[in-house]
Amino acid sequence: MTGIVKLPPNYVPSEDEEYMNEKQLEYFRLKLLKWKDELVEETKETIGNLKEENLSIPDPNDRASAETNRSFELRTRDRMRKLINKIDSTLKKIEDGSYGYCEETGEPIGLKRLEARPIASLCIEAQERHERMEKTKIDE
């Protein structure tokens, strides 16, 4: 991407435009950065909650419940960390010009799919193929 583009207020990518033009790239870049900021904020809250927790609870049932909650918080934090890494790698794709195109086929992923899942790296067909292959491996 050459430089930062100023987007008109309430801009939404359209099928009428050239696919992955500078406006669309900037739109998705800003969307990803906002999502990342929200995740970082949630991660800070999770860390704060974990620090405040007191695991020296005398009642075994209460302690088990607290440990379950802590485990859940840690799994959530790990998912957030992985998602932040995926967002970072997607932002690099915007910079190198490969964003919006399927990693397998090179075909456009599509605005609707990217709007719903801005970190998508596969077009619908390739994603469905991967899911079928995973299901086949699980069924074997």
N, C-alpha and C. Protein backbone atom coordinates (compact mmCIF):
# COMPACT_ATOMS: atom_id res chain seq x y z
N MET A 1 0.85 -1.17 0.00
CA MET A 1 0.00 0.00 0.00
C MET A 1 0.89 1.22 0.00
N THR A 2 0.55 2.20 -0.81
CA THR A 2 1.41 3.36 -0.95
C THR A 2 1.37 4.28 0.26
N GLY A 3 0.24 4.88 0.55
CA GLY A 3 0.14 5.78 1.67
C GLY A 3 -1.22 5.66 2.31
N ILE A 4 -1.39 6.33 3.45
CA ILE A 4 -2.66 6.26 4.16
C ILE A 4 -3.69 7.11 3.42
N VAL A 5 -4.84 6.52 3.21
CA VAL A 5 -5.93 7.16 2.48
C VAL A 5 -6.95 7.65 3.49
N LYS A 6 -7.44 8.86 3.29
CA LYS A 6 -8.50 9.39 4.16
C LYS A 6 -9.83 8.88 3.61
N LEU A 7 -10.55 8.17 4.47
CA LEU A 7 -11.82 7.60 4.04
C LEU A 7 -12.96 8.59 4.27
N PRO A 8 -13.92 8.62 3.36
CA PRO A 8 -15.11 9.44 3.59
C PRO A 8 -15.86 8.92 4.82
N PRO A 9 -16.61 9.78 5.51
CA PRO A 9 -17.39 9.30 6.67
C PRO A 9 -18.34 8.18 6.25
N ASN A 10 -18.49 7.19 7.11
CA ASN A 10 -19.39 6.06 6.89
C ASN A 10 -19.06 5.25 5.62
N TYR A 11 -17.82 5.28 5.19
CA TYR A 11 -17.42 4.52 4.01
C TYR A 11 -17.57 3.02 4.27
N VAL A 12 -18.12 2.33 3.30
CA VAL A 12 -18.23 0.87 3.31
C VAL A 12 -17.81 0.38 1.92
N PRO A 13 -16.90 -0.60 1.84
CA PRO A 13 -16.49 -1.12 0.54
C PRO A 13 -17.68 -1.59 -0.29
N SER A 14 -17.57 -1.39 -1.59
CA SER A 14 -18.66 -1.74 -2.49
C SER A 14 -18.15 -2.60 -3.63
N GLU A 15 -19.04 -3.47 -4.12
CA GLU A 15 -18.71 -4.32 -5.27
C GLU A 15 -18.51 -3.49 -6.54
N ASP A 16 -19.00 -2.25 -6.53
CA ASP A 16 -18.89 -1.37 -7.70
C ASP A 16 -17.48 -0.82 -7.87
N GLU A 17 -16.66 -0.92 -6.84
CA GLU A 17 -15.30 -0.38 -6.89
C GLU A 17 -14.33 -1.46 -7.37
N GLU A 18 -13.14 -1.00 -7.74
CA GLU A 18 -12.06 -1.95 -8.05
C GLU A 18 -11.72 -2.70 -6.77
N TYR A 19 -11.61 -4.03 -6.89
CA TYR A 19 -11.36 -4.88 -5.72
C TYR A 19 -10.01 -4.55 -5.09
N MET A 20 -10.00 -4.39 -3.79
CA MET A 20 -8.84 -4.10 -2.96
C MET A 20 -8.11 -2.83 -3.41
N ASN A 21 -8.88 -1.81 -3.72
CA ASN A 21 -8.29 -0.51 -4.00
C ASN A 21 -7.80 0.10 -2.68
N GLU A 22 -7.17 1.26 -2.75
CA GLU A 22 -6.59 1.87 -1.55
C GLU A 22 -7.63 2.16 -0.47
N LYS A 23 -8.83 2.57 -0.86
CA LYS A 23 -9.88 2.84 0.13
C LYS A 23 -10.27 1.57 0.86
N GLN A 24 -10.46 0.49 0.10
CA GLN A 24 -10.85 -0.77 0.73
C GLN A 24 -9.74 -1.27 1.65
N LEU A 25 -8.51 -1.19 1.21
CA LEU A 25 -7.39 -1.62 2.05
C LEU A 25 -7.33 -0.81 3.34
N GLU A 26 -7.51 0.49 3.23
CA GLU A 26 -7.49 1.35 4.42
C GLU A 26 -8.67 1.03 5.34
N TYR A 27 -9.82 0.78 4.75
CA TYR A 27 -11.01 0.43 5.53
C TYR A 27 -10.74 -0.83 6.37
N PHE A 28 -10.21 -1.87 5.74
CA PHE A 28 -9.94 -3.12 6.46
C PHE A 28 -8.78 -2.95 7.44
N ARG A 29 -7.80 -2.13 7.09
CA ARG A 29 -6.68 -1.88 8.01
C ARG A 29 -7.20 -1.25 9.30
N LEU A 30 -8.06 -0.23 9.15
CA LEU A 30 -8.62 0.43 10.33
C LEU A 30 -9.52 -0.51 11.13
N LYS A 31 -10.28 -1.33 10.43
CA LYS A 31 -11.16 -2.30 11.08
C LYS A 31 -10.33 -3.29 11.91
N LEU A 32 -9.23 -3.78 11.34
CA LEU A 32 -8.36 -4.72 12.04
C LEU A 32 -7.68 -4.07 13.24
N LEU A 33 -7.23 -2.84 13.08
CA LEU A 33 -6.57 -2.14 14.19
C LEU A 33 -7.54 -1.91 15.34
N LYS A 34 -8.78 -1.56 15.02
CA LYS A 34 -9.79 -1.35 16.06
C LYS A 34 -10.07 -2.66 16.80
N TRP A 35 -10.20 -3.75 16.04
CA TRP A 35 -10.44 -5.07 16.63
C TRP A 35 -9.28 -5.46 17.54
N LYS A 36 -8.06 -5.22 17.07
CA LYS A 36 -6.88 -5.55 17.86
C LYS A 36 -6.87 -4.75 19.16
N ASP A 37 -7.16 -3.45 19.08
CA ASP A 37 -7.20 -2.62 20.28
C ASP A 37 -8.22 -3.14 21.29
N GLU A 38 -9.39 -3.57 20.80
CA GLU A 38 -10.42 -4.12 21.69
C GLU A 38 -9.93 -5.39 22.36
N LEU A 39 -9.25 -6.25 21.60
CA LEU A 39 -8.73 -7.50 22.16
C LEU A 39 -7.64 -7.23 23.19
N VAL A 40 -6.77 -6.27 22.92
CA VAL A 40 -5.71 -5.93 23.87
C VAL A 40 -6.32 -5.43 25.17
N GLU A 41 -7.36 -4.60 25.06
CA GLU A 41 -8.06 -4.08 26.24
C GLU A 41 -8.68 -5.23 27.03
N GLU A 42 -9.34 -6.17 26.34
CA GLU A 42 -9.95 -7.32 27.01
C GLU A 42 -8.88 -8.18 27.69
N THR A 43 -7.73 -8.31 27.04
CA THR A 43 -6.64 -9.10 27.61
C THR A 43 -6.15 -8.45 28.90
N LYS A 44 -6.05 -7.13 28.90
CA LYS A 44 -5.63 -6.42 30.13
C LYS A 44 -6.62 -6.68 31.26
N GLU A 45 -7.91 -6.66 30.93
CA GLU A 45 -8.94 -6.93 31.94
C GLU A 45 -8.81 -8.35 32.47
N THR A 46 -8.56 -9.30 31.57
CA THR A 46 -8.40 -10.70 31.98
C THR A 46 -7.21 -10.84 32.92
N ILE A 47 -6.11 -10.20 32.58
CA ILE A 47 -4.92 -10.26 33.43
C ILE A 47 -5.23 -9.66 34.80
N GLY A 48 -5.94 -8.53 34.79
CA GLY A 48 -6.34 -7.90 36.05
C GLY A 48 -7.21 -8.83 36.89
N ASN A 49 -8.16 -9.50 36.25
CA ASN A 49 -9.03 -10.44 36.97
C ASN A 49 -8.23 -11.59 37.56
N LEU A 50 -7.28 -12.09 36.79
CA LEU A 50 -6.47 -13.22 37.28
C LEU A 50 -5.61 -12.80 38.47
N LYS A 51 -5.10 -11.58 38.45
CA LYS A 51 -4.26 -11.09 39.55
C LYS A 51 -5.09 -10.90 40.82
N GLU A 52 -6.34 -10.47 40.65
CA GLU A 52 -7.19 -10.19 41.81
C GLU A 52 -7.72 -11.46 42.47
N GLU A 53 -7.77 -12.54 41.71
CA GLU A 53 -8.33 -13.78 42.23
C GLU A 53 -7.51 -14.31 43.40
N ASN A 54 -8.20 -14.77 44.39
CA ASN A 54 -7.54 -15.36 45.55
C ASN A 54 -7.82 -16.85 45.54
N LEU A 55 -6.79 -17.64 45.26
CA LEU A 55 -6.97 -19.08 45.16
C LEU A 55 -6.80 -19.81 46.49
N SER A 56 -6.61 -19.06 47.57
CA SER A 56 -6.50 -19.72 48.89
C SER A 56 -7.88 -19.75 49.56
N ILE A 57 -8.83 -20.28 48.83
CA ILE A 57 -10.21 -20.37 49.31
C ILE A 57 -10.33 -21.69 50.08
N PRO A 58 -10.79 -21.63 51.35
CA PRO A 58 -10.82 -22.86 52.16
C PRO A 58 -11.85 -23.90 51.69
N ASP A 59 -13.00 -23.48 51.24
CA ASP A 59 -14.04 -24.44 50.85
C ASP A 59 -13.65 -25.11 49.53
N PRO A 60 -13.60 -26.45 49.49
CA PRO A 60 -13.19 -27.18 48.28
C PRO A 60 -14.08 -26.89 47.07
N ASN A 61 -15.37 -26.77 47.29
CA ASN A 61 -16.28 -26.49 46.17
C ASN A 61 -16.04 -25.10 45.60
N ASP A 62 -15.87 -24.12 46.49
CA ASP A 62 -15.59 -22.76 46.04
C ASP A 62 -14.25 -22.68 45.32
N ARG A 63 -13.25 -23.42 45.85
CA ARG A 63 -11.93 -23.43 45.24
C ARG A 63 -12.00 -24.07 43.84
N ALA A 64 -12.74 -25.17 43.71
CA ALA A 64 -12.88 -25.83 42.41
C ALA A 64 -13.56 -24.91 41.41
N SER A 65 -14.56 -24.20 41.86
CA SER A 65 -15.26 -23.25 40.99
C SER A 65 -14.31 -22.13 40.56
N ALA A 66 -13.51 -21.62 41.49
CA ALA A 66 -12.55 -20.55 41.18
C ALA A 66 -11.49 -21.04 40.20
N GLU A 67 -11.03 -22.28 40.39
CA GLU A 67 -10.02 -22.84 39.49
C GLU A 67 -10.60 -23.05 38.09
N THR A 68 -11.85 -23.47 38.01
CA THR A 68 -12.51 -23.62 36.71
C THR A 68 -12.60 -22.27 36.01
N ASN A 69 -12.99 -21.24 36.75
CA ASN A 69 -13.07 -19.89 36.17
C ASN A 69 -11.70 -19.41 35.71
N ARG A 70 -10.68 -19.68 36.50
CA ARG A 70 -9.32 -19.28 36.13
C ARG A 70 -8.88 -20.00 34.86
N SER A 71 -9.17 -21.28 34.77
CA SER A 71 -8.82 -22.06 33.57
C SER A 71 -9.52 -21.49 32.34
N PHE A 72 -10.79 -21.16 32.51
CA PHE A 72 -11.55 -20.57 31.41
C PHE A 72 -10.94 -19.24 30.98
N GLU A 73 -10.58 -18.40 31.95
CA GLU A 73 -9.95 -17.10 31.65
C GLU A 73 -8.64 -17.30 30.89
N LEU A 74 -7.85 -18.29 31.31
CA LEU A 74 -6.57 -18.54 30.64
C LEU A 74 -6.77 -19.02 29.20
N ARG A 75 -7.76 -19.89 28.98
CA ARG A 75 -8.05 -20.35 27.61
C ARG A 75 -8.52 -19.19 26.75
N THR A 76 -9.36 -18.34 27.33
CA THR A 76 -9.85 -17.17 26.59
C THR A 76 -8.69 -16.25 26.23
N ARG A 77 -7.81 -16.04 27.18
CA ARG A 77 -6.64 -15.18 26.92
C ARG A 77 -5.75 -15.77 25.83
N ASP A 78 -5.58 -17.08 25.83
CA ASP A 78 -4.77 -17.73 24.80
C ASP A 78 -5.41 -17.57 23.42
N ARG A 79 -6.74 -17.72 23.35
CA ARG A 79 -7.44 -17.51 22.07
C ARG A 79 -7.26 -16.06 21.60
N MET A 80 -7.34 -15.12 22.52
CA MET A 80 -7.15 -13.71 22.17
C MET A 80 -5.74 -13.48 21.64
N ARG A 81 -4.76 -14.08 22.29
CA ARG A 81 -3.36 -13.93 21.87
C ARG A 81 -3.18 -14.45 20.44
N LYS A 82 -3.76 -15.61 20.16
CA LYS A 82 -3.66 -16.18 18.81
C LYS A 82 -4.38 -15.30 17.79
N LEU A 83 -5.52 -14.74 18.19
CA LEU A 83 -6.27 -13.87 17.29
C LEU A 83 -5.50 -12.57 17.03
N ILE A 84 -4.86 -12.04 18.03
CA ILE A 84 -4.04 -10.83 17.85
C ILE A 84 -2.89 -11.12 16.88
N ASN A 85 -2.26 -12.29 17.02
CA ASN A 85 -1.19 -12.67 16.08
C ASN A 85 -1.72 -12.78 14.66
N LYS A 86 -2.92 -13.35 14.51
CA LYS A 86 -3.54 -13.47 13.18
C LYS A 86 -3.84 -12.08 12.61
N ILE A 87 -4.32 -11.18 13.45
CA ILE A 87 -4.58 -9.81 13.00
C ILE A 87 -3.28 -9.16 12.54
N ASP A 88 -2.21 -9.34 13.31
CA ASP A 88 -0.91 -8.76 12.93
C ASP A 88 -0.43 -9.30 11.58
N SER A 89 -0.58 -10.60 11.36
CA SER A 89 -0.14 -11.15 10.08
C SER A 89 -1.04 -10.67 8.95
N THR A 90 -2.32 -10.44 9.23
CA THR A 90 -3.23 -9.91 8.22
C THR A 90 -2.88 -8.46 7.88
N LEU A 91 -2.50 -7.69 8.88
CA LEU A 91 -2.06 -6.30 8.62
C LEU A 91 -0.82 -6.29 7.72
N LYS A 92 0.07 -7.26 7.89
CA LYS A 92 1.25 -7.36 7.02
C LYS A 92 0.84 -7.65 5.58
N LYS A 93 -0.23 -8.44 5.41
CA LYS A 93 -0.73 -8.72 4.06
C LYS A 93 -1.26 -7.46 3.40
N ILE A 94 -1.89 -6.60 4.19
CA ILE A 94 -2.36 -5.33 3.64
C ILE A 94 -1.16 -4.54 3.15
N GLU A 95 -0.10 -4.52 3.93
CA GLU A 95 1.10 -3.76 3.56
C GLU A 95 1.78 -4.34 2.32
N ASP A 96 1.80 -5.67 2.20
CA ASP A 96 2.52 -6.24 1.05
C ASP A 96 1.63 -6.43 -0.18
N GLY A 97 0.35 -6.09 -0.05
CA GLY A 97 -0.54 -6.13 -1.22
C GLY A 97 -1.21 -7.47 -1.48
N SER A 98 -1.06 -8.42 -0.56
CA SER A 98 -1.67 -9.73 -0.80
C SER A 98 -3.01 -9.90 -0.08
N TYR A 99 -3.43 -8.89 0.66
CA TYR A 99 -4.69 -8.99 1.42
C TYR A 99 -5.89 -9.07 0.49
N GLY A 100 -6.83 -9.92 0.88
CA GLY A 100 -8.08 -10.04 0.12
C GLY A 100 -8.06 -11.14 -0.92
N TYR A 101 -6.92 -11.81 -1.05
CA TYR A 101 -6.79 -12.87 -2.04
C TYR A 101 -6.51 -14.20 -1.34
N CYS A 102 -7.12 -15.25 -1.83
CA CYS A 102 -7.00 -16.59 -1.26
C CYS A 102 -5.54 -17.06 -1.30
N GLU A 103 -5.07 -17.58 -0.18
CA GLU A 103 -3.70 -18.09 -0.10
C GLU A 103 -3.49 -19.33 -0.97
N GLU A 104 -4.57 -20.06 -1.25
CA GLU A 104 -4.45 -21.28 -2.05
C GLU A 104 -4.64 -21.03 -3.53
N THR A 105 -5.68 -20.29 -3.87
CA THR A 105 -6.05 -20.15 -5.28
C THR A 105 -5.63 -18.82 -5.90
N GLY A 106 -5.38 -17.82 -5.07
CA GLY A 106 -5.06 -16.49 -5.59
C GLY A 106 -6.30 -15.71 -6.00
N GLU A 107 -7.46 -16.34 -5.89
CA GLU A 107 -8.71 -15.68 -6.25
C GLU A 107 -9.13 -14.69 -5.16
N PRO A 108 -9.92 -13.67 -5.51
CA PRO A 108 -10.44 -12.75 -4.49
C PRO A 108 -11.27 -13.50 -3.44
N ILE A 109 -11.08 -13.15 -2.19
CA ILE A 109 -11.85 -13.76 -1.10
C ILE A 109 -13.28 -13.21 -1.12
N GLY A 110 -13.41 -11.94 -1.45
CA GLY A 110 -14.74 -11.33 -1.53
C GLY A 110 -15.00 -10.38 -0.37
N LEU A 111 -15.64 -9.26 -0.69
CA LEU A 111 -15.89 -8.24 0.31
C LEU A 111 -16.81 -8.72 1.43
N LYS A 112 -17.85 -9.46 1.07
CA LYS A 112 -18.79 -9.92 2.10
C LYS A 112 -18.10 -10.82 3.11
N ARG A 113 -17.27 -11.73 2.63
CA ARG A 113 -16.55 -12.63 3.54
C ARG A 113 -15.56 -11.85 4.40
N LEU A 114 -14.85 -10.90 3.79
CA LEU A 114 -13.88 -10.11 4.55
C LEU A 114 -14.58 -9.19 5.56
N GLU A 115 -15.75 -8.71 5.21
CA GLU A 115 -16.50 -7.87 6.14
C GLU A 115 -16.89 -8.70 7.37
N ALA A 116 -17.30 -9.93 7.13
CA ALA A 116 -17.71 -10.82 8.23
C ALA A 116 -16.50 -11.34 9.00
N ARG A 117 -15.41 -11.61 8.30
CA ARG A 117 -14.19 -12.16 8.93
C ARG A 117 -12.97 -11.52 8.27
N PRO A 118 -12.58 -10.35 8.76
CA PRO A 118 -11.48 -9.61 8.12
C PRO A 118 -10.14 -10.34 8.09
N ILE A 119 -9.98 -11.38 8.90
CA ILE A 119 -8.72 -12.12 8.91
C ILE A 119 -8.77 -13.34 8.00
N ALA A 120 -9.85 -13.50 7.25
CA ALA A 120 -9.97 -14.66 6.35
C ALA A 120 -8.79 -14.67 5.37
N SER A 121 -8.22 -15.85 5.19
CA SER A 121 -7.10 -15.97 4.26
C SER A 121 -7.42 -16.93 3.11
N LEU A 122 -8.60 -17.55 3.19
CA LEU A 122 -9.01 -18.48 2.14
C LEU A 122 -10.38 -18.06 1.60
N CYS A 123 -10.59 -18.28 0.31
CA CYS A 123 -11.91 -18.04 -0.26
C CYS A 123 -12.84 -19.14 0.27
N ILE A 124 -14.12 -18.96 0.08
CA ILE A 124 -15.11 -19.91 0.61
C ILE A 124 -14.82 -21.34 0.13
N GLU A 125 -14.56 -21.50 -1.16
CA GLU A 125 -14.34 -22.85 -1.70
C GLU A 125 -13.13 -23.52 -1.05
N ALA A 126 -12.04 -22.79 -0.91
CA ALA A 126 -10.84 -23.36 -0.30
C ALA A 126 -11.08 -23.66 1.18
N GLN A 127 -11.81 -22.79 1.87
CA GLN A 127 -12.13 -23.01 3.28
C GLN A 127 -12.98 -24.27 3.45
N GLU A 128 -13.96 -24.42 2.57
CA GLU A 128 -14.82 -25.61 2.63
C GLU A 128 -14.01 -26.88 2.37
N ARG A 129 -13.06 -26.82 1.42
CA ARG A 129 -12.18 -27.97 1.15
C ARG A 129 -11.39 -28.34 2.41
N HIS A 130 -10.83 -27.33 3.07
CA HIS A 130 -10.06 -27.57 4.29
C HIS A 130 -10.93 -28.21 5.37
N GLU A 131 -12.14 -27.70 5.51
CA GLU A 131 -13.03 -28.24 6.54
C GLU A 131 -13.42 -29.68 6.22
N ARG A 132 -13.65 -29.98 4.95
CA ARG A 132 -13.98 -31.36 4.56
C ARG A 132 -12.80 -32.28 4.85
N MET A 133 -11.57 -31.82 4.52
CA MET A 133 -10.39 -32.64 4.77
C MET A 133 -10.20 -32.86 6.28
N GLU A 134 -10.43 -31.84 7.10
CA GLU A 134 -10.31 -31.99 8.54
C GLU A 134 -11.34 -32.98 9.07
N LYS A 135 -12.57 -32.87 8.56
CA LYS A 135 -13.64 -33.80 8.97
C LYS A 135 -13.29 -35.22 8.57
N THR A 136 -12.72 -35.40 7.38
CA THR A 136 -12.31 -36.72 6.93
C THR A 136 -11.24 -37.29 7.86
N LYS A 137 -10.27 -36.46 8.26
CA LYS A 137 -9.20 -36.92 9.16
C LYS A 137 -9.78 -37.30 10.52
N ILE A 138 -10.75 -36.53 11.00
CA ILE A 138 -11.36 -36.81 12.30
C ILE A 138 -12.16 -38.11 12.24
N ASP A 139 -12.85 -38.33 11.12
CA ASP A 139 -13.70 -39.52 10.96
C ASP A 139 -12.89 -40.80 10.80
N GLU A 140 -11.63 -40.68 10.38
CA GLU A 140 -10.81 -41.87 10.13
C GLU A 140 -10.35 -42.56 11.38
